[in-house]
Protein backbone atom coordinates (compact mmCIF):
# COMPACT_ATOMS: atom_id res chain seq x y z
CA MET A 1 0.16 0.17 -0.20
CA THR A 2 1.32 3.39 -0.70
CA VAL A 3 0.10 6.70 1.02
CA VAL A 4 1.22 10.41 0.20
CA ILE A 5 0.37 13.07 2.98
CA LYS A 6 0.32 16.28 0.93
CA GLY A 7 0.58 19.84 2.05
CA GLY A 8 1.16 19.69 5.77
CA THR A 9 3.71 21.19 8.36
CA ILE A 10 5.81 18.19 9.78
CA VAL A 11 6.38 18.22 13.41
CA THR A 12 8.88 16.08 15.28
CA ALA A 13 10.52 16.20 18.78
CA ASP A 14 13.36 18.30 17.19
CA TYR A 15 12.00 20.22 13.94
CA THR A 16 9.18 21.93 12.45
CA TYR A 17 8.91 22.38 8.55
CA LYS A 18 6.52 22.05 5.68
CA SER A 19 6.88 18.93 3.45
CA ASP A 20 5.15 15.96 1.93
CA ILE A 21 5.57 12.37 3.18
CA LEU A 22 5.47 9.14 0.88
CA THR A 23 5.01 5.64 2.62
CA GLN A 24 5.21 2.39 1.00
CA ASP A 25 4.02 -0.82 2.49
CA ASP A 26 4.96 -0.16 6.41
CA LYS A 27 7.68 2.38 6.01
CA ILE A 28 8.49 5.97 5.29
CA VAL A 29 10.33 5.92 2.00
CA ALA A 30 10.50 9.74 0.83
CA ILE A 31 10.16 13.38 2.59
CA GLY A 32 10.25 16.42 0.49
CA LYS A 33 8.52 19.20 -0.87
CA ASP A 34 5.96 18.59 -3.97
CA LEU A 35 6.30 14.96 -3.88
CA GLU A 36 4.87 13.09 -7.00
CA VAL A 37 1.66 11.06 -6.21
CA PRO A 38 2.57 7.32 -7.69
CA SER A 39 -0.38 5.58 -9.43
CA GLY A 40 -2.75 4.07 -7.28
CA ALA A 41 -1.60 5.71 -4.05
CA ASP A 42 -4.03 7.13 -1.56
CA VAL A 43 -3.68 10.61 -0.66
CA ILE A 44 -4.11 12.56 2.54
CA ASP A 45 -4.65 16.39 2.20
CA ALA A 46 -2.96 17.75 5.10
CA GLY A 47 -3.13 21.34 4.27
CA GLY A 48 -3.21 23.75 7.45
CA CYS A 49 -2.64 20.84 9.50
CA TYR A 50 0.30 19.38 11.23
CA VAL A 51 1.77 15.92 10.58
CA MET A 52 3.55 13.96 13.55
CA PRO A 53 4.74 10.64 14.61
CA GLY A 54 1.98 8.59 16.01
CA GLY A 55 1.51 8.61 19.79
CA ILE A 56 3.10 6.10 21.84
CA ASP A 57 1.03 5.20 25.27
CA PRO A 58 3.81 3.32 27.36
CA GLN A 59 1.38 2.24 30.08
CA THR A 60 -2.07 0.38 29.24
CA HIS A 61 -3.82 -2.53 30.54
CA MET A 62 -5.99 -4.23 27.94
CA GLN A 63 -8.29 -7.06 29.25
CA LEU A 64 -6.36 -7.26 32.34
CA PRO A 65 -7.47 -9.75 34.89
CA PHE A 66 -7.70 -7.48 38.12
CA MET A 67 -9.63 -7.40 41.32
CA GLY A 68 -11.97 -10.20 40.27
CA THR A 69 -12.95 -9.29 36.79
CA ASN A 70 -11.23 -8.22 33.68
CA ALA A 71 -10.71 -4.95 32.08
CA VAL A 72 -13.34 -4.33 29.38
CA ASP A 73 -11.44 -3.05 26.39
CA ASP A 74 -9.54 -5.72 24.97
CA PHE A 75 -6.42 -5.64 22.53
CA TYR A 76 -8.72 -4.83 19.55
CA THR A 77 -11.13 -2.37 21.01
CA GLY A 78 -8.40 -0.62 22.57
CA THR A 79 -5.91 -0.43 19.77
CA ALA A 80 -8.72 0.39 17.36
CA ALA A 81 -9.79 3.44 19.84
CA MET A 82 -6.49 4.69 20.36
CA MET A 83 -5.90 5.18 16.81
CA THR A 84 -9.06 7.57 16.41
CA GLY A 85 -7.11 9.94 18.99
CA GLY A 86 -3.93 9.74 17.31
CA THR A 87 -1.91 6.84 19.00
CA THR A 88 -0.52 4.17 17.00
CA MET A 89 1.51 2.13 19.47
CA LEU A 90 0.90 0.99 23.01
CA ILE A 91 3.21 -1.00 25.62
CA ASP A 92 1.01 -3.21 27.62
CA PHE A 93 1.78 -5.17 31.02
CA VAL A 94 2.12 -8.88 31.40
CA ILE A 95 1.31 -9.18 35.18
CA PRO A 96 1.56 -12.65 36.29
CA GLU A 97 0.06 -13.93 39.52
CA LYS A 98 2.43 -15.13 42.30
CA ASN A 99 3.90 -18.40 41.89
CA THR A 100 3.34 -18.53 38.33
CA SER A 101 5.78 -18.44 35.33
CA LEU A 102 6.78 -15.08 33.91
CA LEU A 103 7.45 -16.59 30.56
CA GLU A 104 4.25 -18.35 30.49
CA ASN A 105 2.17 -15.44 31.29
CA TYR A 106 3.91 -13.73 28.50
CA HIS A 107 2.71 -16.42 25.90
CA THR A 108 -0.54 -15.92 27.50
CA TRP A 109 -0.64 -12.20 26.79
CA ARG A 110 0.84 -12.57 23.32
CA GLY A 111 -2.27 -14.85 22.45
CA TRP A 112 -4.70 -12.28 23.67
CA ALA A 113 -2.95 -9.63 21.64
CA GLU A 114 -3.26 -11.42 18.57
CA LYS A 115 -6.14 -9.46 17.86
CA ALA A 116 -4.68 -6.04 18.08
CA ALA A 117 -5.26 -3.54 15.35
CA ALA A 118 -1.96 -1.57 16.03
CA ASP A 119 1.87 -2.29 17.01
CA TYR A 120 2.19 -3.18 20.68
CA SER A 121 4.82 -4.41 23.04
CA PHE A 122 5.11 -5.51 26.61
CA HIS A 123 6.72 -4.63 29.93
CA VAL A 124 6.66 -7.90 32.19
CA ALA A 125 5.99 -7.61 35.90
CA VAL A 126 8.02 -9.43 38.58
CA THR A 127 5.53 -10.20 41.30
CA TRP A 128 7.18 -12.72 43.31
CA TRP A 129 10.71 -14.46 43.49
CA GLY A 130 11.65 -18.10 43.47
CA ASP A 131 12.99 -20.72 41.34
CA GLY A 132 12.85 -20.00 37.61
CA VAL A 133 12.02 -16.10 37.88
CA ALA A 134 15.55 -15.12 37.21
CA ASP A 135 15.70 -17.60 34.14
CA ASP A 136 12.42 -16.25 32.90
CA MET A 137 13.66 -12.88 32.85
CA ARG A 138 16.79 -13.83 31.04
CA SER A 139 14.76 -15.68 28.46
CA LEU A 140 12.20 -12.67 27.75
CA ALA A 141 15.10 -10.12 27.51
CA LYS A 142 17.18 -12.53 25.22
CA ASN A 143 14.63 -14.16 23.21
CA HIS A 144 11.27 -12.06 23.16
CA GLY A 145 12.45 -8.45 23.02
CA VAL A 146 11.35 -7.49 26.51
CA ASN A 147 13.65 -4.76 27.90
CA SER A 148 11.50 -3.46 30.85
CA PHE A 149 10.45 -5.17 33.93
CA LYS A 150 7.65 -3.66 36.27
CA HIS A 151 7.35 -3.80 39.88
CA PHE A 152 4.18 -2.90 41.82
CA MET A 153 5.01 -1.45 45.47
CA ALA A 154 1.51 -1.50 46.01
CA TYR A 155 -1.39 -4.13 46.11
CA LYS A 156 -0.44 -6.20 49.39
CA GLY A 157 -1.13 -9.70 49.51
CA ALA A 158 -1.72 -10.17 45.58
CA ILE A 159 1.10 -8.63 43.20
CA MET A 160 2.97 -6.53 45.63
CA ALA A 161 6.80 -6.57 45.12
CA ASP A 162 8.89 -6.14 48.39
CA ASP A 163 12.40 -4.79 48.82
CA GLU A 164 13.81 -8.05 48.52
CA ILE A 165 12.11 -9.03 45.12
CA MET A 166 13.02 -5.54 44.09
CA VAL A 167 16.86 -6.07 44.90
CA ARG A 168 16.97 -9.52 43.21
CA SER A 169 14.88 -8.26 40.17
CA PHE A 170 17.11 -5.20 39.77
CA ASN A 171 20.00 -7.01 39.78
CA VAL A 172 18.91 -9.42 37.02
CA ALA A 173 17.76 -6.62 34.93
CA LYS A 174 21.06 -4.79 35.36
CA GLU A 175 22.70 -8.25 34.03
CA LEU A 176 20.41 -8.15 31.41
CA GLY A 177 20.58 -4.42 30.14
CA ALA A 178 16.97 -3.86 30.93
CA MET A 179 14.99 -1.06 32.64
CA VAL A 180 12.99 -1.41 35.76
CA THR A 181 9.60 0.21 36.03
CA ILE A 182 7.83 1.10 39.07
CA HIS A 183 4.40 1.60 40.54
CA GLY A 184 5.51 3.73 43.48
CA GLU A 185 2.89 3.48 46.57
CA ASN A 186 3.93 1.89 49.89
CA GLY A 187 1.61 -1.14 49.99
CA GLU A 188 1.90 -1.63 53.76
CA LEU A 189 0.92 1.97 54.43
CA VAL A 190 -2.08 1.49 51.99
CA ALA A 191 -3.28 -1.69 53.63
CA HIS A 192 -3.10 0.15 57.35
CA LEU A 193 -5.00 2.98 56.05
CA GLN A 194 -7.49 0.94 54.17
CA GLU A 195 -8.13 -1.03 57.34
CA LYS A 196 -8.25 1.92 59.41
CA LEU A 197 -10.80 3.84 57.39
CA ILE A 198 -13.28 0.93 57.01
CA GLN A 199 -13.21 0.83 60.64
CA GLN A 200 -14.02 4.25 60.96
CA GLY A 201 -17.17 3.47 58.80
CA ILE A 202 -15.55 5.18 55.46
CA LYS A 203 -16.51 2.89 52.87
CA GLY A 204 -17.44 5.20 49.88
CA PRO A 205 -15.02 6.15 46.89
CA GLU A 206 -13.87 9.08 48.99
CA GLY A 207 -11.96 6.73 51.24
CA HIS A 208 -9.92 5.52 48.14
CA PRO A 209 -7.74 8.96 48.11
CA ALA A 210 -7.46 8.88 51.93
CA SER A 211 -5.89 5.41 51.82
CA ARG A 212 -3.33 6.50 49.18
CA PRO A 213 -2.14 10.10 50.18
CA PRO A 214 0.78 11.79 48.31
CA GLU A 215 3.35 10.62 51.03
CA VAL A 216 2.60 7.01 50.39
CA GLU A 217 3.81 7.66 46.86
CA GLY A 218 6.49 9.88 47.60
CA GLU A 219 8.15 7.24 50.28
CA ALA A 220 7.72 4.53 47.75
CA THR A 221 8.95 6.44 44.76
CA ASN A 222 12.09 7.54 46.80
CA ARG A 223 12.77 4.09 48.13
CA SER A 224 12.73 2.39 44.50
CA ILE A 225 14.81 5.11 43.12
CA ARG A 226 17.59 4.62 45.94
CA LEU A 227 17.60 0.96 45.37
CA ALA A 228 18.26 1.34 41.67
CA GLU A 229 20.88 3.62 42.32
CA MET A 230 22.88 1.53 44.68
CA ILE A 231 22.51 -1.37 42.11
CA GLY A 232 23.15 1.05 39.23
CA VAL A 233 19.91 0.39 36.73
CA PRO A 234 18.04 3.02 35.06
CA ILE A 235 14.59 3.44 36.59
CA TYR A 236 11.21 4.71 35.07
CA ILE A 237 8.26 5.72 37.31
CA VAL A 238 5.09 5.16 36.11
CA HIS A 239 2.04 7.49 36.63
CA THR A 240 3.78 10.01 38.84
CA SER A 241 0.69 11.90 40.14
CA SER A 242 2.03 13.97 43.10
CA LYS A 243 4.72 16.41 44.10
CA ASP A 244 5.90 14.14 46.64
CA ALA A 245 6.99 11.76 44.14
CA LEU A 246 8.14 14.29 41.55
CA ASP A 247 10.63 15.91 44.31
CA ALA A 248 12.04 12.38 44.71
CA ILE A 249 12.57 12.01 41.00
CA ILE A 250 14.24 15.46 40.73
CA ALA A 251 16.29 15.23 43.45
CA ALA A 252 17.65 11.86 41.95
CA ARG A 253 18.06 13.51 38.71
CA LEU A 254 20.19 16.29 40.37
CA ARG A 255 22.49 13.70 41.63
CA GLY A 256 23.22 12.41 38.15
CA GLN A 257 21.02 9.43 38.43
CA VAL A 258 19.43 7.97 35.47
CA VAL A 259 15.46 8.33 36.46
CA PHE A 260 12.58 8.88 34.14
CA SER A 261 9.06 10.06 35.17
CA GLU A 262 5.75 9.31 33.33
CA VAL A 263 2.48 11.44 33.67
CA LEU A 264 -0.95 10.59 33.02
CA SER A 265 -3.04 12.74 31.01
CA GLN A 266 -5.91 12.09 33.63
CA HIS A 267 -3.83 13.49 36.58
CA LEU A 268 -2.89 16.62 34.73
CA VAL A 269 -6.45 17.94 34.35
CA ILE A 270 -8.66 16.08 37.13
CA ASP A 271 -8.26 16.65 40.69
CA ASP A 272 -9.65 14.92 43.97
CA SER A 273 -13.11 16.78 44.20
CA VAL A 274 -14.33 13.91 41.99
CA TYR A 275 -14.40 11.50 44.94
CA ARG A 276 -16.89 13.57 46.64
CA ASP A 277 -19.48 13.83 43.82
CA PRO A 278 -22.88 13.14 45.31
CA ASP A 279 -23.64 10.24 42.47
CA TRP A 280 -21.59 7.24 43.76
CA ARG A 281 -21.13 5.87 40.15
CA THR A 282 -19.32 9.00 38.97
CA ALA A 283 -16.85 8.77 42.18
CA ALA A 284 -16.32 5.37 41.70
CA HIS A 285 -15.43 5.56 37.97
CA HIS A 286 -12.51 7.84 39.02
CA VAL A 287 -11.16 5.18 41.43
CA MET A 288 -7.66 4.48 40.11
CA SER A 289 -4.18 4.06 41.58
CA PRO A 290 -2.56 6.46 42.25
CA PRO A 291 -5.56 8.58 43.05
CA PHE A 292 -6.63 11.92 41.72
CA ARG A 293 -4.75 14.73 43.73
CA PRO A 294 -5.55 18.41 44.96
CA LYS A 295 -4.92 20.85 42.30
CA LYS A 296 -1.59 21.89 43.48
CA HIS A 297 -0.11 18.60 42.34
CA GLN A 298 -1.31 19.23 38.92
CA GLU A 299 0.51 22.34 38.48
CA ALA A 300 3.69 20.61 39.72
CA LEU A 301 3.33 17.84 37.04
CA TRP A 302 2.78 20.37 34.14
CA HIS A 303 5.96 22.14 35.41
CA GLY A 304 7.70 18.61 35.26
CA LEU A 305 6.71 18.15 31.40
CA MET A 306 7.51 21.84 30.75
CA SER A 307 10.74 21.53 32.08
CA GLY A 308 11.62 18.36 30.89
CA LEU A 309 11.93 16.64 34.31
CA CYS A 310 8.96 14.45 33.41
CA GLN A 311 9.70 12.56 29.96
CA THR A 312 6.71 10.75 28.74
CA THR A 313 2.76 10.70 29.19
CA ALA A 314 0.74 7.74 29.28
CA THR A 315 -2.99 6.75 30.68
CA ASP A 316 -2.68 3.70 32.49
CA HIS A 317 -5.89 2.69 30.60
CA CYS A 318 -7.68 -0.03 32.53
CA SER A 319 -11.46 0.65 31.92
CA PHE A 320 -14.23 -1.13 34.02
CA THR A 321 -17.91 -0.73 33.26
CA THR A 322 -20.46 0.85 35.68
CA GLU A 323 -21.50 -2.73 36.69
CA GLN A 324 -17.93 -3.74 37.52
CA LYS A 325 -17.43 -0.94 39.69
CA LEU A 326 -20.53 -1.72 41.84
CA MET A 327 -18.42 -4.72 42.90
CA GLY A 328 -17.29 -2.12 45.55
CA LYS A 329 -20.53 -0.57 46.52
CA ASP A 330 -20.23 -1.11 50.03
CA ASP A 331 -16.43 -1.24 50.34
CA PHE A 332 -14.25 1.08 48.38
CA THR A 333 -11.24 -1.26 48.58
CA LYS A 334 -13.22 -3.60 46.25
CA ILE A 335 -14.04 -1.38 43.48
CA PRO A 336 -11.87 -2.18 40.56
CA ASN A 337 -8.89 0.22 40.13
CA GLY A 338 -8.78 2.00 36.75
CA THR A 339 -10.14 4.58 34.25
CA GLY A 340 -10.01 4.99 30.43
CA GLY A 341 -8.11 7.43 28.61
CA LEU A 342 -6.22 5.93 25.81
CA GLU A 343 -8.59 7.68 23.06
CA ASP A 344 -8.35 10.90 24.56
CA ARG A 345 -4.72 11.37 25.68
CA MET A 346 -3.32 13.32 22.59
CA SER A 347 -6.28 15.99 22.76
CA ILE A 348 -5.96 16.67 26.05
CA LEU A 349 -2.05 17.20 26.12
CA TRP A 350 -2.59 19.27 23.12
CA HIS A 351 -5.79 21.61 24.40
CA HIS A 352 -4.44 21.77 28.09
CA GLY A 353 -0.74 21.93 26.91
CA VAL A 354 0.19 23.34 23.78
CA ASN A 355 -3.16 25.80 23.54
CA GLN A 356 -2.31 26.99 27.07
CA GLY A 357 1.41 27.85 26.12
CA ARG A 358 2.44 25.04 28.45
CA LEU A 359 4.05 22.81 25.58
CA THR A 360 5.63 23.62 22.41
CA LEU A 361 4.75 21.63 19.37
CA ASN A 362 8.03 19.80 19.42
CA GLN A 363 7.68 19.13 23.15
CA PHE A 364 4.22 17.76 22.61
CA VAL A 365 5.45 15.27 20.21
CA ALA A 366 8.36 14.43 22.56
CA CYS A 367 6.16 13.74 25.50
CA THR A 368 3.45 11.81 23.36
CA SER A 369 5.69 9.71 21.34
CA ALA A 370 9.44 10.40 20.94
CA ASN A 371 10.80 10.04 24.42
CA ALA A 372 8.91 7.00 25.03
CA ALA A 373 10.52 5.35 21.93
CA LYS A 374 13.92 6.35 22.95
CA ILE A 375 13.46 5.10 26.54
CA PHE A 376 12.34 1.91 25.77
CA ASN A 377 14.86 1.71 22.58
CA ILE A 378 12.63 1.95 19.65
CA TYR A 379 13.68 4.89 18.25
CA PRO A 380 13.91 6.00 15.35
CA ARG A 381 11.88 3.06 14.42
CA LYS A 382 8.87 4.65 16.23
CA GLY A 383 8.41 8.08 17.53
CA ALA A 384 10.16 9.75 14.59
CA ILE A 385 9.51 10.90 11.01
CA LEU A 386 12.42 9.95 8.94
CA VAL A 387 13.24 7.62 5.85
CA GLY A 388 13.03 4.23 6.88
CA SER A 389 10.96 4.95 10.16
CA ASP A 390 7.90 2.87 10.45
CA ALA A 391 4.90 4.53 8.70
CA ASP A 392 2.76 5.41 12.02
CA ILE A 393 1.87 8.85 11.42
CA ILE A 394 -1.20 11.25 12.30
CA VAL A 395 -2.48 14.45 10.87
CA TRP A 396 -3.47 16.82 13.53
CA ASP A 397 -6.15 19.69 12.99
CA PRO A 398 -5.19 22.36 15.58
CA GLU A 399 -8.31 24.38 14.57
CA LYS A 400 -10.85 21.64 15.01
CA SER A 401 -12.66 20.86 18.19
CA ARG A 402 -14.59 18.16 19.57
CA THR A 403 -16.70 17.24 22.68
CA ILE A 404 -15.61 14.31 24.58
CA SER A 405 -18.29 11.86 25.57
CA ALA A 406 -19.06 8.34 26.21
CA GLN A 407 -21.90 8.73 24.02
CA SER A 408 -19.57 9.16 20.83
CA HIS A 409 -16.11 7.65 21.86
CA TYR A 410 -14.92 4.44 20.67
CA GLN A 411 -13.78 2.76 23.68
CA LYS A 412 -15.78 0.07 25.04
CA VAL A 413 -16.39 1.13 28.53
CA ASP A 414 -19.65 2.97 29.31
CA PHE A 415 -18.00 6.05 30.97
CA ASN A 416 -15.58 8.64 30.11
CA ILE A 417 -13.90 10.40 32.87
CA PHE A 418 -13.45 13.65 30.59
CA GLU A 419 -17.10 13.52 30.03
CA GLY A 420 -18.43 16.92 28.53
CA MET A 421 -15.00 18.48 27.99
CA GLU A 422 -14.39 20.41 24.83
CA VAL A 423 -10.83 20.09 23.35
CA LYS A 424 -9.36 21.95 20.36
CA GLY A 425 -7.09 20.33 18.47
CA VAL A 426 -8.13 16.99 16.85
CA ASN A 427 -6.50 14.00 14.96
CA ILE A 428 -8.17 13.69 11.59
CA ALA A 429 -6.23 11.07 10.09
CA THR A 430 -4.06 8.11 11.24
CA VAL A 431 -1.56 6.00 9.15
CA SER A 432 -0.51 2.82 10.91
CA ARG A 433 1.82 0.27 9.40
CA GLY A 434 1.42 2.25 6.30
CA LYS A 435 -2.22 1.99 6.14
CA ILE A 436 -4.98 4.67 6.44
CA THR A 437 -6.84 3.10 9.63
CA TYR A 438 -8.60 6.52 10.69
CA LEU A 439 -9.70 9.31 8.30
CA ASP A 440 -12.10 11.98 9.81
CA GLY A 441 -14.63 10.12 11.43
CA ASP A 442 -14.16 6.77 9.49
CA LEU A 443 -12.70 3.99 11.54
CA ARG A 444 -10.98 1.46 9.24
CA ALA A 445 -8.95 -0.53 11.91
CA GLU A 446 -8.65 -4.28 10.96
CA ARG A 447 -8.51 -7.12 13.77
CA GLY A 448 -5.17 -8.90 14.03
CA VAL A 449 -2.88 -6.50 11.68
CA GLY A 450 -0.91 -5.11 14.55
CA GLU A 451 2.50 -6.62 15.33
CA TYR A 452 4.68 -7.23 18.33
CA VAL A 453 7.52 -4.80 18.61
CA ASN A 454 10.74 -6.25 20.04
CA ARG A 455 12.67 -3.90 22.20
CA PRO A 456 16.38 -4.33 22.50
CA CYS A 457 18.28 -4.31 25.72
CA PHE A 458 21.13 -2.33 26.42
CA SER A 459 19.67 1.19 25.32
CA PRO A 460 22.00 4.32 25.49
CA TYR A 461 20.35 4.98 28.63
CA PHE A 462 21.27 1.89 30.29
CA ARG A 463 24.96 2.26 29.23
CA GLN A 464 24.71 5.68 30.89
CA ALA A 465 23.50 4.21 34.06
CA ALA A 466 26.04 1.37 34.14
CA ARG A 467 28.60 3.99 33.45
CA LEU A 468 27.77 6.50 36.03
CA HIS A 469 27.45 3.47 38.58
CA GLU A 470 30.86 2.22 37.68
CA LEU A 471 32.47 5.43 38.26
CA LYS A 472 30.97 5.34 42.03
CA GLN A 473 32.26 1.90 42.83
CA VAL A 474 34.75 1.36 45.41
CA GLN A 475 38.10 0.11 44.39
CA PRO A 476 40.01 -2.70 46.34
CA VAL A 477 43.00 -1.89 48.39
CA HIS A 478 45.93 -4.06 47.76
CA ARG A 479 48.09 -4.46 50.49
CA ASP A 480 51.20 -6.03 51.32
C-alpha cells in the first residue's frame, strides 16, 4: 500500500517544517516538497494541519484480569479506539499472579494480543521471587524483545513486590541491560490506612484517596529510586501523580541518576474533588491508583513536563464498566482500580498543554511519542518521521474541536472521565503500518494486523546508568 500525505507541516521532537511524506508498505520512503503521487496511491490532504509521529502510550492494561474481573477494553477495541485519537502503539503489561511463570504468562498475553489492530509491546511484571523467575527474565530479554520489568510496590497480598524482590529483580535487570519500572505506592501503608478507614465507617469512594495520600507515593518512589541507584540500573516511574513523588525524582536526577518520570493525561486535568461527587457511580469511575490529587499537584506535574523533568505521558488505560465498579458498592477497597483515557490523551495534552502555552509543538511530540520510543529503545523506528521509520503517522487539525463523551467515544467502556470537555486540536487521519486506519470519522481498523515490537536491551540510557554507577564503585586496596 502506498500513501502520500500532502501539504502539511511536519512536527517532530526536534524540527518543524513543511513537506510531503511518501510511505510504501509499512515504512516512510520519501520526505520532500511537492512529491509526485504514484499511480494508485492514497492521498491525504494535510493542508493547514500538522503531520506528526503517531503517539505511543507506554502504559496500558488491555483485558487485564484484576480485582476479580477483567478490564473491558481488549487488544482490538483498545488499539482501534486509540488510533482515532492519534496513538499508534501501546506498551501493555504482562502481570503474572504470584508463583506463576513469567514466561508462560507472557505467551498468554501474546495470545490475547493477536487481535490487536495496531503495534504493541510488553513490559513484564515481577510479582514474586523463587526458582525460575531469573531464568524467565533472561529468556524474555534475550529471546522475546522485553527490555523492561515492572514492580508494583502496592497491592499487598496480591502482586506487591517487596524490597527483597526488587533488589533481586533489579540485579538481574542490570545483568540483562533492561530498564526497571515502578508503581510507587507503599503497599504496607495503603493496607493499614484502608483497614483504619473501613473501621471508621468510611466505605465510599472518598476513602480511596484517603488511603493512598501523596506521602505514600513519595516514600515508595524515593525508596525504589535509591535501590536502583545502589544497584546501578536505570529506573522509570510510572504514573507520577504527586509533587511528593516528583520531588524524589528531581532530587535523583540532580544527583546524576538515570531516572525517568511518566505522567498520566488524567492526573494533569482532574483533581480529587471527583471523589466527593454525590453520584456514587461517578465517584467510583474515578477510582484508580494512584488517585487524583489536590490541584496543587497538577501544576507541579505540568511544570515537570515543561522543564523536561517528566519525559512521557500515558493513560494507564484500565477500563471497567459501571456494573464492574459496583463490585465495591459497600467497600471502596473492592472497587476495581482503573479508568479509560487511551483515546483522548493526545487531545488532552494538546488542548491543555499546547493551547495554554505549557508545551511547544516539539515538546508535545516528545512527551507523547519520541521520548517513550527513545527510553524503551525503539527510536527511530517509532516516534520519528524519517526515511526508514515505521509509517505510523497522524494528521492533526489544530483548529478543529470536539466534545468528549461516552456517547461518541470508540472505547468499549460505558463512562468517560473527561465527559463534556471540549478540546480544540483533533486528530483527523491516522496511518498505522502504512495503512490509513482512521480518516476524519471513518475508523478502518483491522483486527489482527498489529504486530509485536521487539525492544532491544542495552539502550543508550542503560549504558549511561551503568557507566555512572561504575565510576562510583569502591576499588579494592591491595596491601602487602
